[in-house]
C-alpha atoms as a PDB file:
ATOM      1  CA  MET A   1     -67.741  61.279 -15.914  1.00  0.00           C
ATOM      2  CA  LEU A   2     -66.334  64.786 -15.541  1.00  0.00           C
ATOM      3  CA  PHE A   3     -62.763  63.662 -16.188  1.00  0.00           C
ATOM      4  CA  TYR A   4     -63.576  62.300 -19.637  1.00  0.00           C
ATOM      5  CA  SER A   5     -65.669  65.368 -20.451  1.00  0.00           C
ATOM      6  CA  LEU A   6     -62.633  67.540 -19.743  1.00  0.00           C
ATOM      7  CA  LEU A   7     -60.346  65.334 -21.820  1.00  0.00           C
ATOM      8  CA  ASP A   8     -62.811  65.416 -24.709  1.00  0.00           C
ATOM      9  CA  LEU A   9     -62.926  69.209 -24.513  1.00  0.00           C
ATOM     10  CA  VAL A  10     -59.132  69.452 -24.602  1.00  0.00           C
ATOM     11  CA  ALA A  11     -58.972  67.020 -27.532  1.00  0.00           C
ATOM     12  CA  ARG A  12     -61.611  69.001 -29.478  1.00  0.00           C
ATOM     13  CA  LEU A  13     -59.478  72.110 -28.998  1.00  0.00           C
ATOM     14  CA  ASN A  14     -56.581  70.150 -30.518  1.00  0.00           C
ATOM     15  CA  LYS A  15     -54.529  70.608 -27.357  1.00  0.00           C
ATOM     16  CA  GLN A  16     -52.399  68.211 -25.390  1.00  0.00           C
ATOM     17  CA  TYR A  17     -52.976  67.603 -21.703  1.00  0.00           C
ATOM     18  CA  ILE A  18     -50.951  66.703 -18.653  1.00  0.00           C
ATOM     19  CA  VAL A  19     -52.452  64.575 -15.892  1.00  0.00           C
ATOM     20  CA  TRP A  20     -51.222  63.468 -12.479  1.00  0.00           C
ATOM     21  CA  GLN A  21     -49.918  59.918 -12.308  1.00  0.00           C
ATOM     22  CA  GLU A  22     -53.040  58.651 -10.502  1.00  0.00           C
ATOM     23  CA  ILE A  23     -54.924  58.793 -13.801  1.00  0.00           C
ATOM     24  CA  PHE A  24     -52.412  56.353 -15.292  1.00  0.00           C
ATOM     25  CA  ASP A  25     -52.132  54.269 -12.096  1.00  0.00           C
ATOM     26  CA  ASN A  26     -55.905  53.809 -11.915  1.00  0.00           C
ATOM     27  CA  GLY A  27     -56.066  52.640 -15.525  1.00  0.00           C
ATOM     28  CA  LEU A  28     -58.181  55.462 -16.909  1.00  0.00           C
ATOM     29  CA  GLU A  29     -58.041  55.638 -20.679  1.00  0.00           C
ATOM     30  CA  VAL A  30     -56.063  58.583 -22.072  1.00  0.00           C
ATOM     31  CA  LEU A  31     -55.073  59.733 -25.527  1.00  0.00           C
ATOM     32  CA  PRO A  32     -51.672  58.581 -26.852  1.00  0.00           C
ATOM     33  CA  ASN A  33     -50.256  62.130 -26.664  1.00  0.00           C
ATOM     34  CA  THR A  34     -51.035  62.468 -22.939  1.00  0.00           C
ATOM     35  CA  VAL A  35     -48.210  63.556 -20.645  1.00  0.00           C
ATOM     36  CA  ILE A  36     -48.160  61.891 -17.226  1.00  0.00           C
ATOM     37  CA  ASP A  37     -46.834  63.991 -14.321  1.00  0.00           C
ATOM     38  CA  VAL A  38     -44.944  61.632 -12.004  1.00  0.00           C
ATOM     39  CA  TRP A  39     -44.921  63.130  -8.521  1.00  0.00           C
ATOM     40  CA  LYS A  40     -44.940  60.323  -5.934  1.00  0.00           C
ATOM     41  CA  LYS A  41     -42.093  58.468  -4.240  1.00  0.00           C
ATOM     42  CA  GLY A  42     -40.701  55.549  -6.210  1.00  0.00           C
ATOM     43  CA  TRP A  43     -40.592  57.722  -9.305  1.00  0.00           C
ATOM     44  CA  GLU A  44     -37.997  55.604 -11.099  1.00  0.00           C
ATOM     45  CA  ASP A  45     -40.348  52.608 -11.308  1.00  0.00           C
ATOM     46  CA  GLU A  46     -43.281  54.839 -12.219  1.00  0.00           C
ATOM     47  CA  MET A  47     -41.331  56.532 -15.032  1.00  0.00           C
ATOM     48  CA  LYS A  48     -40.498  53.066 -16.364  1.00  0.00           C
ATOM     49  CA  ARG A  49     -44.161  51.969 -16.284  1.00  0.00           C
ATOM     50  CA  VAL A  50     -45.429  55.180 -17.899  1.00  0.00           C
ATOM     51  CA  THR A  51     -42.879  55.286 -20.694  1.00  0.00           C
ATOM     52  CA  ALA A  52     -43.041  51.511 -21.287  1.00  0.00           C
ATOM     53  CA  SER A  53     -46.722  52.064 -22.089  1.00  0.00           C
ATOM     54  CA  GLY A  54     -45.670  54.565 -24.770  1.00  0.00           C
ATOM     55  CA  LEU A  55     -46.823  57.704 -22.950  1.00  0.00           C
ATOM     56  CA  HIS A  56     -44.764  60.836 -22.371  1.00  0.00           C
ATOM     57  CA  ALA A  57     -43.782  61.742 -18.818  1.00  0.00           C
ATOM     58  CA  ILE A  58     -42.624  64.721 -16.812  1.00  0.00           C
ATOM     59  CA  LEU A  59     -41.161  64.505 -13.336  1.00  0.00           C
ATOM     60  CA  SER A  60     -41.908  66.591 -10.266  1.00  0.00           C
ATOM     61  CA  THR A  61     -41.160  64.108  -7.436  1.00  0.00           C
ATOM     62  CA  CYS A  62     -37.644  65.421  -6.819  1.00  0.00           C
ATOM     63  CA  TRP A  63     -38.609  69.068  -6.902  1.00  0.00           C
ATOM     64  CA  TYR A  64     -41.106  69.782  -4.131  1.00  0.00           C
ATOM     65  CA  LEU A  65     -39.592  73.033  -2.910  1.00  0.00           C
ATOM     66  CA  ASN A  66     -41.872  73.140   0.132  1.00  0.00           C
ATOM     67  CA  ASP A  67     -40.156  70.077   1.638  1.00  0.00           C
ATOM     68  CA  ILE A  68     -38.289  71.697   4.494  1.00  0.00           C
ATOM     69  CA  SER A  69     -34.748  70.512   5.072  1.00  0.00           C
ATOM     70  CA  TYR A  70     -31.592  71.877   6.609  1.00  0.00           C
ATOM     71  CA  GLY A  71     -28.583  73.224   4.754  1.00  0.00           C
ATOM     72  CA  ALA A  72     -27.842  73.522   1.070  1.00  0.00           C
ATOM     73  CA  ASP A  73     -30.891  71.564  -0.070  1.00  0.00           C
ATOM     74  CA  TRP A  74     -30.613  72.846  -3.638  1.00  0.00           C
ATOM     75  CA  THR A  75     -28.016  70.127  -4.332  1.00  0.00           C
ATOM     76  CA  LYS A  76     -30.628  67.359  -4.114  1.00  0.00           C
ATOM     77  CA  TYR A  77     -32.752  69.246  -6.652  1.00  0.00           C
ATOM     78  CA  TYR A  78     -29.749  69.721  -8.922  1.00  0.00           C
ATOM     79  CA  GLN A  79     -28.728  66.066  -8.792  1.00  0.00           C
ATOM     80  CA  CYS A  80     -32.090  64.609  -9.805  1.00  0.00           C
ATOM     81  CA  ASP A  81     -32.151  63.556 -13.459  1.00  0.00           C
ATOM     82  CA  PRO A  82     -35.614  62.653 -14.785  1.00  0.00           C
ATOM     83  CA  GLN A  83     -34.093  60.206 -17.268  1.00  0.00           C
ATOM     84  CA  ASN A  84     -32.230  58.323 -14.541  1.00  0.00           C
ATOM     85  CA  PHE A  85     -34.434  55.250 -14.431  1.00  0.00           C
ATOM     86  CA  ASN A  86     -34.079  51.711 -15.755  1.00  0.00           C
ATOM     87  CA  GLY A  87     -35.646  52.323 -19.139  1.00  0.00           C
ATOM     88  CA  THR A  88     -34.615  51.736 -22.707  1.00  0.00           C
ATOM     89  CA  LYS A  89     -33.248  54.612 -24.757  1.00  0.00           C
ATOM     90  CA  GLU A  90     -36.659  54.893 -26.434  1.00  0.00           C
ATOM     91  CA  GLU A  91     -38.426  55.017 -23.056  1.00  0.00           C
ATOM     92  CA  GLN A  92     -36.040  57.640 -21.703  1.00  0.00           C
ATOM     93  CA  GLU A  93     -36.692  59.771 -24.793  1.00  0.00           C
ATOM     94  CA  LEU A  94     -40.385  59.850 -23.816  1.00  0.00           C
ATOM     95  CA  VAL A  95     -39.416  61.941 -20.783  1.00  0.00           C
ATOM     96  CA  VAL A  96     -40.141  65.489 -21.905  1.00  0.00           C
ATOM     97  CA  GLY A  97     -38.997  67.346 -18.797  1.00  0.00           C
ATOM     98  CA  GLY A  98     -40.072  68.213 -15.309  1.00  0.00           C
ATOM     99  CA  HIS A  99     -41.179  71.013 -13.024  1.00  0.00           C
ATOM    100  CA  CYS A 100     -40.874  72.151  -9.463  1.00  0.00           C
ATOM    101  CA  CYS A 101     -43.809  72.533  -7.090  1.00  0.00           C
ATOM    102  CA  LEU A 102     -44.261  74.748  -4.070  1.00  0.00           C
ATOM    103  CA  TRP A 103     -47.314  74.043  -1.949  1.00  0.00           C
ATOM    104  CA  GLY A 104     -48.495  76.087   1.000  1.00  0.00           C
ATOM    105  CA  GLU A 105     -47.833  73.955   4.079  1.00  0.00           C
ATOM    106  CA  PHE A 106     -44.856  76.095   5.121  1.00  0.00           C
ATOM    107  CA  VAL A 107     -45.100  78.961   2.649  1.00  0.00           C
ATOM    108  CA  ASP A 108     -47.162  82.125   2.477  1.00  0.00           C
ATOM    109  CA  SER A 109     -46.812  85.567   0.941  1.00  0.00           C
ATOM    110  CA  THR A 110     -43.989  86.473   3.337  1.00  0.00           C
ATOM    111  CA  ASN A 111     -41.576  83.721   2.311  1.00  0.00           C
ATOM    112  CA  PHE A 112     -42.744  82.460  -1.083  1.00  0.00           C
ATOM    113  CA  LEU A 113     -40.053  84.150  -3.174  1.00  0.00           C
ATOM    114  CA  THR A 114     -37.190  83.392  -0.805  1.00  0.00           C
ATOM    115  CA  ARG A 115     -38.252  79.749  -0.592  1.00  0.00           C
ATOM    116  CA  TYR A 116     -38.619  79.491  -4.368  1.00  0.00           C
ATOM    117  CA  TRP A 117     -35.380  81.230  -5.311  1.00  0.00           C
ATOM    118  CA  PRO A 118     -32.704  80.087  -5.885  1.00  0.00           C
ATOM    119  CA  ARG A 119     -33.945  76.472  -5.537  1.00  0.00           C
ATOM    120  CA  ALA A 120     -36.025  76.759  -8.715  1.00  0.00           C
ATOM    121  CA  GLY A 121     -32.872  77.967 -10.458  1.00  0.00           C
ATOM    122  CA  ALA A 122     -31.165  74.675  -9.569  1.00  0.00           C
ATOM    123  CA  VAL A 123     -34.123  72.776 -11.030  1.00  0.00           C
ATOM    124  CA  GLY A 124     -34.068  74.937 -14.148  1.00  0.00           C
ATOM    125  CA  GLU A 125     -30.377  74.357 -14.692  1.00  0.00           C
ATOM    126  CA  ARG A 126     -30.818  70.608 -14.309  1.00  0.00           C
ATOM    127  CA  LEU A 127     -33.669  70.509 -16.809  1.00  0.00           C
ATOM    128  CA  TRP A 128     -32.059  72.800 -19.387  1.00  0.00           C
ATOM    129  CA  SER A 129     -28.430  71.640 -19.186  1.00  0.00           C
ATOM    130  CA  PRO A 130     -26.835  68.696 -20.948  1.00  0.00           C
ATOM    131  CA  ALA A 131     -26.790  65.523 -18.840  1.00  0.00           C
ATOM    132  CA  SER A 132     -22.987  65.807 -18.730  1.00  0.00           C
ATOM    133  CA  VAL A 133     -23.178  69.040 -16.674  1.00  0.00           C
ATOM    134  CA  THR A 134     -23.272  67.654 -13.134  1.00  0.00           C
ATOM    135  CA  ASP A 135     -20.570  69.340 -11.046  1.00  0.00           C
ATOM    136  CA  VAL A 136     -22.293  70.595  -7.886  1.00  0.00           C
ATOM    137  CA  ASN A 137     -19.420  72.934  -6.976  1.00  0.00           C
ATOM    138  CA  ASP A 138     -19.540  74.680 -10.352  1.00  0.00           C
ATOM    139  CA  ALA A 139     -23.324  74.851 -10.125  1.00  0.00           C
ATOM    140  CA  GLY A 140     -23.028  76.387  -6.657  1.00  0.00           C
ATOM    141  CA  VAL A 141     -20.971  79.266  -8.035  1.00  0.00           C
ATOM    142  CA  ARG A 142     -23.500  79.836 -10.821  1.00  0.00           C
ATOM    143  CA  LEU A 143     -26.382  79.671  -8.348  1.00  0.00           C
ATOM    144  CA  HIS A 144     -24.715  82.187  -6.026  1.00  0.00           C
ATOM    145  CA  ASN A 145     -24.172  84.574  -8.949  1.00  0.00           C
ATOM    146  CA  PHE A 146     -27.774  84.022 -10.051  1.00  0.00           C
ATOM    147  CA  ARG A 147     -28.962  84.933  -6.559  1.00  0.00           C
ATOM    148  CA  CYS A 148     -26.886  88.118  -6.627  1.00  0.00           C
ATOM    149  CA  ARG A 149     -28.415  89.107  -9.969  1.00  0.00           C
ATOM    150  CA  MET A 150     -31.878  88.499  -8.541  1.00  0.00           C
ATOM    151  CA  LEU A 151     -31.141  90.635  -5.483  1.00  0.00           C
ATOM    152  CA  SER A 152     -29.810  93.426  -7.698  1.00  0.00           C
ATOM    153  CA  ARG A 153     -33.178  93.387  -9.480  1.00  0.00           C
ATOM    154  CA  GLY A 154     -35.119  93.547  -6.223  1.00  0.00           C
ATOM    155  CA  ILE A 155     -36.145  89.879  -6.160  1.00  0.00           C
ATOM    156  CA  PRO A 156     -35.641  88.311  -2.723  1.00  0.00           C
ATOM    157  CA  ALA A 157     -33.756  85.005  -2.748  1.00  0.00           C
ATOM    158  CA  GLU A 158     -32.178  82.898  -0.013  1.00  0.00           C
ATOM    159  CA  PRO A 159     -28.438  82.253  -0.015  1.00  0.00           C
ATOM    160  CA  PRO A 160     -28.047  78.818  -1.614  1.00  0.00           C
ATOM    161  CA  ASP A 161     -25.238  77.631   0.665  1.00  0.00           C
ATOM    162  CA  GLY A 162     -25.890  79.425   3.943  1.00  0.00           C
ATOM    163  CA  PRO A 163     -24.764  82.891   4.966  1.00  0.00           C
ATOM    164  CA  SER A 164     -23.053  84.841   2.203  1.00  0.00           C
ATOM    165  CA  PHE A 165     -23.264  88.234   0.592  1.00  0.00           C
ATOM    166  CA  CYS A 166     -23.455  89.842  -2.796  1.00  0.00           C
ATOM    167  CA  THR A 167     -21.619  93.039  -3.627  1.00  0.00           C
ATOM    168  CA  THR A 168     -24.942  94.539  -4.715  1.00  0.00           C
ATOM    169  CA  GLU A 169     -26.074  94.338  -1.083  1.00  0.00           C
ATOM    170  CA  TRP A 170     -23.444  96.945  -0.222  1.00  0.00           C
ATOM    171  CA  ASN A 171     -24.181  99.381  -3.056  1.00  0.00           C
ATOM    172  CA  GLY A 172     -25.133 102.780  -1.734  1.00  0.00           C
ATOM    173  CA  ILE A 173     -24.018 102.053   1.817  1.00  0.00           C
ATOM    174  CA  THR A 174     -21.468 104.445   3.218  1.00  0.00           C
ATOM    175  CA  PRO A 175     -19.276 102.858   5.878  1.00  0.00           C
ATOM    176  CA  PRO A 176     -19.197 104.679   9.200  1.00  0.00           C
ATOM    177  CA  SER A 177     -16.229 107.007   9.683  1.00  0.00           C
END
């Protein structure tokens, strides 16, 4: 089977691999250091099952940036904690992180960067901040400032909370007299 051939190759290279949750769900045998990427709905139960089996897990369910929604959708990305499932302390420690995904159903080369940023920044802050850092209002200020820094560097990014502006957008513009 091709799958096992690939896993054997990775193991011979002394590397670790990440697989989608279907591999675990379908009962395929994996090495003990395998990381399972949980991406489907009902992630809390899946994280419990994966970590209860002693495997490491990463989460992507909460962070599909191509899911189109209205308004300040970054808050739902910010509020998702991959360790927020009914697991023991030991099971929660098997969660090694997460990642965001952006598939092409509603995205192409014209809107990829603006769709990605600053949403991915909200995901990054959630994954790299202490669990005690949860204030959405404070995060909104940081995300707005992050967007302004991106714009000043020529990286297009949507306003996180609807129409706004950055002072860098006005640099070099002379008001009419």
